[in-house]
N, C-alpha and C. Protein backbone atom coordinates (compact mmCIF):
# COMPACT_ATOMS: atom_id res chain seq x y z
N MET A 1 -193.23 -244.91 29.43
CA MET A 1 -192.41 -244.45 28.33
C MET A 1 -191.15 -243.81 28.89
N SER A 2 -190.07 -244.06 28.25
CA SER A 2 -188.86 -243.35 28.60
C SER A 2 -188.02 -243.20 27.34
N MET A 3 -187.13 -242.26 27.37
CA MET A 3 -186.27 -242.02 26.23
C MET A 3 -184.84 -242.02 26.72
N GLU A 4 -184.03 -242.90 26.16
CA GLU A 4 -182.64 -242.96 26.57
C GLU A 4 -181.85 -241.88 25.85
N ARG A 5 -180.76 -241.46 26.48
CA ARG A 5 -179.90 -240.43 25.89
C ARG A 5 -179.40 -240.90 24.54
N PRO A 6 -179.51 -240.06 23.53
CA PRO A 6 -179.03 -240.45 22.21
C PRO A 6 -177.54 -240.75 22.22
N THR A 7 -177.15 -241.72 21.42
CA THR A 7 -175.74 -242.10 21.39
C THR A 7 -174.95 -241.29 20.37
N CYS A 8 -175.64 -240.51 19.55
CA CYS A 8 -174.92 -239.68 18.58
C CYS A 8 -175.30 -238.22 18.80
N SER A 9 -174.42 -237.33 18.42
CA SER A 9 -174.67 -235.92 18.64
C SER A 9 -175.64 -235.34 17.61
N CYS A 10 -176.01 -236.13 16.60
CA CYS A 10 -176.90 -235.60 15.57
C CYS A 10 -178.34 -235.46 16.06
N CYS A 11 -178.68 -236.14 17.15
CA CYS A 11 -180.05 -236.08 17.66
C CYS A 11 -180.10 -235.08 18.81
N GLN A 12 -180.21 -233.79 18.46
CA GLN A 12 -180.24 -232.76 19.49
C GLN A 12 -181.53 -231.96 19.46
N GLY A 13 -182.35 -232.15 18.44
CA GLY A 13 -183.60 -231.41 18.35
C GLY A 13 -184.74 -232.33 17.97
N LEU A 14 -185.89 -232.12 18.57
CA LEU A 14 -187.06 -232.93 18.29
C LEU A 14 -188.14 -232.03 17.72
N HIS A 15 -188.44 -232.23 16.46
CA HIS A 15 -189.42 -231.41 15.76
C HIS A 15 -189.74 -232.11 14.47
N PRO A 16 -190.90 -232.19 13.96
CA PRO A 16 -192.12 -231.65 14.55
C PRO A 16 -192.88 -232.68 15.38
N LEU A 17 -193.68 -232.19 16.29
CA LEU A 17 -194.62 -233.00 17.05
C LEU A 17 -196.01 -232.50 16.70
N TYR A 18 -196.90 -233.38 16.35
CA TYR A 18 -198.25 -232.96 15.95
C TYR A 18 -199.28 -233.48 16.95
N PHE A 19 -200.10 -232.59 17.45
CA PHE A 19 -201.17 -232.96 18.37
C PHE A 19 -202.35 -232.04 18.14
N ILE A 20 -203.46 -232.43 18.69
CA ILE A 20 -204.66 -231.62 18.59
C ILE A 20 -204.95 -231.07 19.97
N GLY A 21 -205.08 -229.77 20.07
CA GLY A 21 -205.47 -229.16 21.33
C GLY A 21 -204.48 -229.40 22.45
N ASN A 22 -204.95 -230.05 23.49
CA ASN A 22 -204.14 -230.25 24.69
C ASN A 22 -203.46 -231.61 24.71
N LEU A 23 -202.77 -231.96 23.65
CA LEU A 23 -201.99 -233.19 23.51
C LEU A 23 -202.86 -234.42 23.31
N VAL A 24 -203.63 -234.79 24.29
CA VAL A 24 -204.53 -235.93 24.20
C VAL A 24 -205.79 -235.62 24.98
N PRO A 25 -206.87 -236.37 24.78
CA PRO A 25 -208.09 -236.09 25.55
C PRO A 25 -207.82 -236.14 27.05
N PRO A 26 -208.44 -235.23 27.82
CA PRO A 26 -208.21 -235.19 29.26
C PRO A 26 -208.55 -236.50 29.96
N SER A 27 -209.44 -237.31 29.36
CA SER A 27 -209.83 -238.56 29.99
C SER A 27 -208.70 -239.59 29.99
N ILE A 28 -207.67 -239.35 29.22
CA ILE A 28 -206.55 -240.29 29.14
C ILE A 28 -205.35 -239.66 29.84
N THR A 29 -205.53 -239.32 31.09
CA THR A 29 -204.51 -238.60 31.86
C THR A 29 -203.19 -239.35 31.92
N SER A 30 -203.25 -240.67 32.08
CA SER A 30 -201.99 -241.42 32.23
C SER A 30 -201.15 -241.33 30.95
N ILE A 31 -201.80 -241.33 29.78
CA ILE A 31 -201.05 -241.19 28.53
C ILE A 31 -200.44 -239.80 28.46
N LYS A 32 -201.21 -238.78 28.82
CA LYS A 32 -200.69 -237.41 28.81
C LYS A 32 -199.50 -237.30 29.75
N ASP A 33 -199.64 -237.83 30.96
CA ASP A 33 -198.54 -237.76 31.92
C ASP A 33 -197.33 -238.53 31.43
N ASP A 34 -197.55 -239.70 30.84
CA ASP A 34 -196.44 -240.49 30.30
C ASP A 34 -195.76 -239.74 29.16
N PHE A 35 -196.55 -239.09 28.32
CA PHE A 35 -195.99 -238.35 27.20
C PHE A 35 -195.18 -237.16 27.69
N VAL A 36 -195.71 -236.42 28.65
CA VAL A 36 -194.99 -235.27 29.20
C VAL A 36 -193.69 -235.75 29.86
N GLN A 37 -193.73 -236.90 30.54
CA GLN A 37 -192.51 -237.45 31.14
C GLN A 37 -191.50 -237.82 30.05
N CYS A 38 -191.99 -238.34 28.94
CA CYS A 38 -191.11 -238.67 27.82
C CYS A 38 -190.43 -237.41 27.28
N LEU A 39 -191.19 -236.32 27.19
CA LEU A 39 -190.61 -235.05 26.76
C LEU A 39 -189.58 -234.55 27.78
N ARG A 40 -189.89 -234.70 29.06
CA ARG A 40 -188.95 -234.31 30.12
C ARG A 40 -187.66 -235.13 29.99
N ASP A 41 -187.80 -236.43 29.75
CA ASP A 41 -186.62 -237.29 29.58
C ASP A 41 -185.79 -236.80 28.39
N ALA A 42 -186.47 -236.41 27.32
CA ALA A 42 -185.75 -235.93 26.12
C ALA A 42 -185.00 -234.64 26.43
N THR A 43 -185.66 -233.69 27.08
CA THR A 43 -184.99 -232.42 27.37
C THR A 43 -183.86 -232.62 28.38
N ASP A 44 -184.06 -233.53 29.33
CA ASP A 44 -182.99 -233.85 30.29
C ASP A 44 -181.79 -234.46 29.58
N ALA A 45 -182.05 -235.14 28.46
CA ALA A 45 -180.98 -235.78 27.70
C ALA A 45 -180.30 -234.80 26.74
N GLY A 46 -180.71 -233.53 26.79
CA GLY A 46 -180.06 -232.53 25.95
C GLY A 46 -180.70 -232.35 24.59
N ILE A 47 -181.94 -232.81 24.44
CA ILE A 47 -182.67 -232.64 23.18
C ILE A 47 -183.55 -231.40 23.31
N VAL A 48 -183.51 -230.54 22.30
CA VAL A 48 -184.36 -229.35 22.28
C VAL A 48 -185.71 -229.74 21.71
N VAL A 49 -186.76 -229.57 22.50
CA VAL A 49 -188.12 -229.90 22.07
C VAL A 49 -188.88 -228.59 21.90
N VAL A 50 -189.42 -228.37 20.69
CA VAL A 50 -190.12 -227.12 20.37
C VAL A 50 -191.57 -227.42 20.02
N ALA A 51 -192.50 -226.75 20.70
CA ALA A 51 -193.93 -226.88 20.39
C ALA A 51 -194.31 -225.82 19.37
N THR A 52 -194.88 -226.26 18.26
CA THR A 52 -195.30 -225.33 17.20
C THR A 52 -196.75 -225.57 16.86
N THR A 53 -197.29 -224.71 16.02
CA THR A 53 -198.66 -224.86 15.55
C THR A 53 -198.67 -224.94 14.03
N GLN A 54 -199.69 -225.60 13.49
CA GLN A 54 -199.87 -225.66 12.05
C GLN A 54 -200.83 -224.57 11.58
N CYS A 55 -201.44 -223.86 12.51
CA CYS A 55 -202.41 -222.82 12.15
C CYS A 55 -201.70 -221.64 11.50
N GLN A 56 -202.28 -221.12 10.43
CA GLN A 56 -201.65 -220.01 9.73
C GLN A 56 -201.62 -218.74 10.56
N SER A 57 -202.61 -218.55 11.40
CA SER A 57 -202.63 -217.32 12.19
C SER A 57 -202.60 -217.63 13.69
N GLY A 58 -202.21 -218.83 14.05
CA GLY A 58 -202.18 -219.20 15.46
C GLY A 58 -200.80 -219.08 16.05
N SER A 59 -200.71 -219.37 17.32
CA SER A 59 -199.43 -219.35 18.00
C SER A 59 -199.48 -220.31 19.18
N VAL A 60 -198.31 -220.66 19.66
CA VAL A 60 -198.19 -221.51 20.84
C VAL A 60 -197.84 -220.61 22.01
N ILE A 61 -198.74 -220.56 22.98
CA ILE A 61 -198.52 -219.77 24.18
C ILE A 61 -198.59 -220.76 25.34
N LEU A 62 -197.45 -221.26 25.76
CA LEU A 62 -197.42 -222.36 26.72
C LEU A 62 -197.87 -221.99 28.12
N GLY A 63 -197.73 -220.78 28.54
CA GLY A 63 -198.02 -220.44 29.92
C GLY A 63 -199.47 -220.20 30.28
N HIS A 64 -200.38 -220.22 29.31
CA HIS A 64 -201.76 -219.82 29.58
C HIS A 64 -202.67 -220.93 30.08
N TYR A 65 -202.32 -222.18 29.85
CA TYR A 65 -203.20 -223.29 30.19
C TYR A 65 -202.42 -224.35 30.96
N ALA A 66 -203.15 -225.24 31.64
CA ALA A 66 -202.52 -226.26 32.48
C ALA A 66 -201.57 -227.15 31.69
N THR A 67 -201.99 -227.57 30.50
CA THR A 67 -201.13 -228.44 29.69
C THR A 67 -199.86 -227.71 29.31
N GLY A 68 -199.97 -226.43 28.96
CA GLY A 68 -198.79 -225.64 28.62
C GLY A 68 -197.85 -225.51 29.80
N GLN A 69 -198.41 -225.37 30.99
CA GLN A 69 -197.57 -225.31 32.19
C GLN A 69 -196.79 -226.61 32.37
N LYS A 70 -197.45 -227.75 32.09
CA LYS A 70 -196.76 -229.03 32.20
C LYS A 70 -195.63 -229.13 31.17
N LEU A 71 -195.89 -228.63 29.96
CA LEU A 71 -194.87 -228.67 28.92
C LEU A 71 -193.67 -227.79 29.30
N ILE A 72 -193.95 -226.62 29.86
CA ILE A 72 -192.86 -225.75 30.33
C ILE A 72 -192.06 -226.49 31.39
N GLY A 73 -192.76 -227.14 32.31
CA GLY A 73 -192.09 -227.90 33.35
C GLY A 73 -191.24 -229.04 32.80
N ALA A 74 -191.62 -229.54 31.63
CA ALA A 74 -190.87 -230.62 30.99
C ALA A 74 -189.71 -230.09 30.15
N GLY A 75 -189.57 -228.77 30.08
CA GLY A 75 -188.46 -228.19 29.32
C GLY A 75 -188.76 -227.92 27.86
N VAL A 76 -190.03 -228.01 27.48
CA VAL A 76 -190.42 -227.75 26.09
C VAL A 76 -190.38 -226.25 25.84
N VAL A 77 -189.91 -225.87 24.65
CA VAL A 77 -189.77 -224.47 24.26
C VAL A 77 -190.94 -224.10 23.35
N SER A 78 -191.50 -222.92 23.54
CA SER A 78 -192.58 -222.45 22.67
C SER A 78 -192.03 -221.97 21.34
N GLY A 79 -192.66 -222.43 20.27
CA GLY A 79 -192.32 -221.95 18.93
C GLY A 79 -193.09 -220.70 18.57
N SER A 80 -193.90 -220.21 19.51
CA SER A 80 -194.69 -218.99 19.32
C SER A 80 -195.49 -219.07 18.03
N ASP A 81 -195.37 -218.09 17.17
CA ASP A 81 -196.13 -218.09 15.92
C ASP A 81 -195.26 -218.43 14.71
N MET A 82 -194.10 -219.06 14.95
CA MET A 82 -193.25 -219.46 13.83
C MET A 82 -193.92 -220.58 13.04
N SER A 83 -193.74 -220.54 11.74
CA SER A 83 -194.22 -221.65 10.91
C SER A 83 -193.36 -222.88 11.20
N ILE A 84 -193.86 -224.02 10.81
CA ILE A 84 -193.09 -225.25 11.01
C ILE A 84 -191.77 -225.17 10.26
N GLU A 85 -191.81 -224.59 9.06
CA GLU A 85 -190.59 -224.46 8.27
C GLU A 85 -189.59 -223.53 8.94
N ALA A 86 -190.08 -222.40 9.47
CA ALA A 86 -189.19 -221.46 10.16
C ALA A 86 -188.60 -222.10 11.41
N THR A 87 -189.40 -222.85 12.13
CA THR A 87 -188.92 -223.52 13.34
C THR A 87 -187.84 -224.53 13.00
N THR A 88 -188.08 -225.32 11.97
CA THR A 88 -187.11 -226.34 11.55
C THR A 88 -185.80 -225.68 11.12
N THR A 89 -185.90 -224.62 10.33
CA THR A 89 -184.71 -223.93 9.84
C THR A 89 -183.94 -223.29 10.99
N LYS A 90 -184.66 -222.64 11.88
CA LYS A 90 -184.01 -221.98 13.02
C LYS A 90 -183.33 -223.00 13.92
N LEU A 91 -184.01 -224.11 14.19
CA LEU A 91 -183.44 -225.16 15.02
C LEU A 91 -182.18 -225.73 14.37
N ALA A 92 -182.23 -225.97 13.06
CA ALA A 92 -181.06 -226.51 12.35
C ALA A 92 -179.90 -225.51 12.39
N TYR A 93 -180.20 -224.24 12.18
CA TYR A 93 -179.16 -223.20 12.22
C TYR A 93 -178.50 -223.12 13.60
N LEU A 94 -179.33 -223.04 14.64
CA LEU A 94 -178.78 -222.89 15.99
C LEU A 94 -178.02 -224.13 16.44
N LEU A 95 -178.54 -225.31 16.12
CA LEU A 95 -177.84 -226.54 16.50
C LEU A 95 -176.55 -226.71 15.70
N GLY A 96 -176.52 -226.15 14.50
CA GLY A 96 -175.33 -226.25 13.67
C GLY A 96 -174.19 -225.35 14.12
N ARG A 97 -174.52 -224.34 14.90
CA ARG A 97 -173.46 -223.46 15.43
C ARG A 97 -172.71 -224.21 16.52
N GLN A 98 -171.44 -224.20 16.44
CA GLN A 98 -170.62 -224.93 17.41
C GLN A 98 -170.34 -224.11 18.67
N ASP A 99 -170.71 -222.83 18.66
CA ASP A 99 -170.38 -221.97 19.80
C ASP A 99 -171.53 -221.84 20.80
N LEU A 100 -172.63 -222.57 20.60
CA LEU A 100 -173.79 -222.44 21.48
C LEU A 100 -174.02 -223.73 22.28
N SER A 101 -174.34 -223.55 23.54
CA SER A 101 -174.73 -224.71 24.36
C SER A 101 -176.20 -225.02 24.07
N ILE A 102 -176.66 -226.18 24.51
CA ILE A 102 -178.07 -226.55 24.32
C ILE A 102 -178.98 -225.55 25.03
N ASP A 103 -178.60 -225.09 26.22
CA ASP A 103 -179.41 -224.09 26.93
C ASP A 103 -179.48 -222.78 26.14
N GLU A 104 -178.39 -222.39 25.50
CA GLU A 104 -178.40 -221.18 24.68
C GLU A 104 -179.29 -221.37 23.45
N VAL A 105 -179.28 -222.57 22.87
CA VAL A 105 -180.17 -222.86 21.73
C VAL A 105 -181.62 -222.75 22.18
N ARG A 106 -181.94 -223.33 23.33
CA ARG A 106 -183.32 -223.25 23.85
C ARG A 106 -183.72 -221.79 24.04
N ASP A 107 -182.85 -221.00 24.64
CA ASP A 107 -183.15 -219.59 24.87
C ASP A 107 -183.34 -218.84 23.56
N LEU A 108 -182.48 -219.09 22.59
CA LEU A 108 -182.55 -218.37 21.32
C LEU A 108 -183.75 -218.78 20.47
N MET A 109 -184.30 -219.97 20.72
CA MET A 109 -185.50 -220.38 19.99
C MET A 109 -186.69 -219.49 20.32
N THR A 110 -186.63 -218.80 21.45
CA THR A 110 -187.74 -217.92 21.87
C THR A 110 -187.49 -216.46 21.52
N VAL A 111 -186.39 -216.18 20.82
CA VAL A 111 -186.00 -214.81 20.47
C VAL A 111 -186.17 -214.61 18.97
N ASP A 112 -186.77 -213.49 18.59
CA ASP A 112 -186.89 -213.15 17.18
C ASP A 112 -185.53 -212.72 16.65
N LEU A 113 -184.93 -213.55 15.80
CA LEU A 113 -183.61 -213.25 15.26
C LEU A 113 -183.67 -212.49 13.94
N ARG A 114 -184.59 -212.91 13.05
CA ARG A 114 -184.66 -212.32 11.71
C ARG A 114 -186.09 -212.14 11.23
N GLY A 115 -187.01 -211.85 12.14
CA GLY A 115 -188.40 -211.64 11.75
C GLY A 115 -189.20 -212.92 11.59
N GLU A 116 -188.68 -214.02 12.13
CA GLU A 116 -189.36 -215.31 11.98
C GLU A 116 -190.50 -215.51 12.98
N MET A 117 -190.55 -214.64 13.99
CA MET A 117 -191.61 -214.76 14.98
C MET A 117 -191.98 -213.38 15.52
N THR A 118 -193.20 -213.27 16.01
CA THR A 118 -193.66 -212.03 16.60
C THR A 118 -193.22 -212.01 18.06
N PRO A 119 -192.55 -210.96 18.49
CA PRO A 119 -192.18 -210.88 19.91
C PRO A 119 -193.42 -210.99 20.79
N GLU A 120 -193.32 -211.71 21.89
CA GLU A 120 -194.47 -211.95 22.76
C GLU A 120 -195.14 -210.66 23.20
N SER A 121 -194.37 -209.61 23.42
CA SER A 121 -194.93 -208.34 23.87
C SER A 121 -195.83 -207.70 22.80
N GLU A 122 -195.67 -208.09 21.53
CA GLU A 122 -196.47 -207.53 20.44
C GLU A 122 -197.62 -208.43 20.01
N MET A 123 -197.75 -209.60 20.62
CA MET A 123 -198.81 -210.54 20.24
C MET A 123 -200.11 -210.14 20.92
N SER A 124 -201.20 -210.30 20.20
CA SER A 124 -202.51 -210.06 20.80
C SER A 124 -202.89 -211.26 21.64
N PRO A 125 -203.75 -211.06 22.64
CA PRO A 125 -204.15 -212.20 23.48
C PRO A 125 -205.00 -213.17 22.66
N PRO A 126 -205.12 -214.43 23.12
CA PRO A 126 -205.98 -215.38 22.43
C PRO A 126 -207.39 -214.82 22.30
N PRO A 127 -208.14 -215.19 21.25
CA PRO A 127 -209.46 -214.59 21.00
C PRO A 127 -210.41 -214.66 22.17
N LEU A 128 -210.48 -215.75 22.86
CA LEU A 128 -211.41 -215.87 23.98
C LEU A 128 -210.90 -215.18 25.24
N ALA A 129 -209.63 -214.89 25.27
CA ALA A 129 -209.06 -214.26 26.46
C ALA A 129 -209.68 -212.90 26.72
N SER A 130 -209.87 -212.10 25.66
CA SER A 130 -210.42 -210.77 25.88
C SER A 130 -211.87 -210.85 26.36
N ALA A 131 -212.66 -211.78 25.83
CA ALA A 131 -214.03 -211.94 26.30
C ALA A 131 -214.04 -212.39 27.75
N TYR A 132 -213.14 -213.29 28.07
CA TYR A 132 -213.04 -213.78 29.45
C TYR A 132 -212.60 -212.64 30.37
N GLN A 133 -211.61 -211.87 29.93
CA GLN A 133 -211.15 -210.76 30.75
C GLN A 133 -212.25 -209.72 30.97
N LYS A 134 -213.07 -209.47 29.93
CA LYS A 134 -214.19 -208.54 30.08
C LYS A 134 -215.21 -209.06 31.08
N ALA A 135 -215.50 -210.38 31.01
CA ALA A 135 -216.47 -210.97 31.93
C ALA A 135 -215.97 -210.91 33.36
N ILE A 136 -214.70 -211.16 33.57
CA ILE A 136 -214.12 -211.12 34.92
C ILE A 136 -214.14 -209.68 35.44
N ALA A 137 -213.88 -208.72 34.57
CA ALA A 137 -213.85 -207.32 34.99
C ALA A 137 -215.23 -206.84 35.46
N LYS A 138 -216.32 -207.44 34.93
CA LYS A 138 -217.68 -207.03 35.31
C LYS A 138 -218.02 -207.46 36.73
N LYS A 139 -217.33 -208.47 37.27
CA LYS A 139 -217.66 -208.96 38.63
C LYS A 139 -217.32 -207.95 39.68
């Protein structure tokens, strides 16, 4: 899979992408790798790719798991706990500003501008993380 650079400036953001869990089953590694490469090609072409969740009380924390690390490496931006609607609106607003570069748009997608997302420092850890941390502390 590859993605060629868009020929028009209207294609600067890619959203929404829907997946279950870790993109695809781990047994289909080549598809996962091809898909991550496709996302890398998109971000290299100047497209802002934002990972979001459909869960009402969930969030996207890209740095905690191997798949998230691959997505970070591909230039994907975390939508944190923003709703799909908030992510779409924020992306449209930032891309519509003529004074921002694509890198500035990517950076601002991770910043709480108007209460659309919980700052990472105020987010609680994933539910299983605390149990795991307690188990590790007992060793």
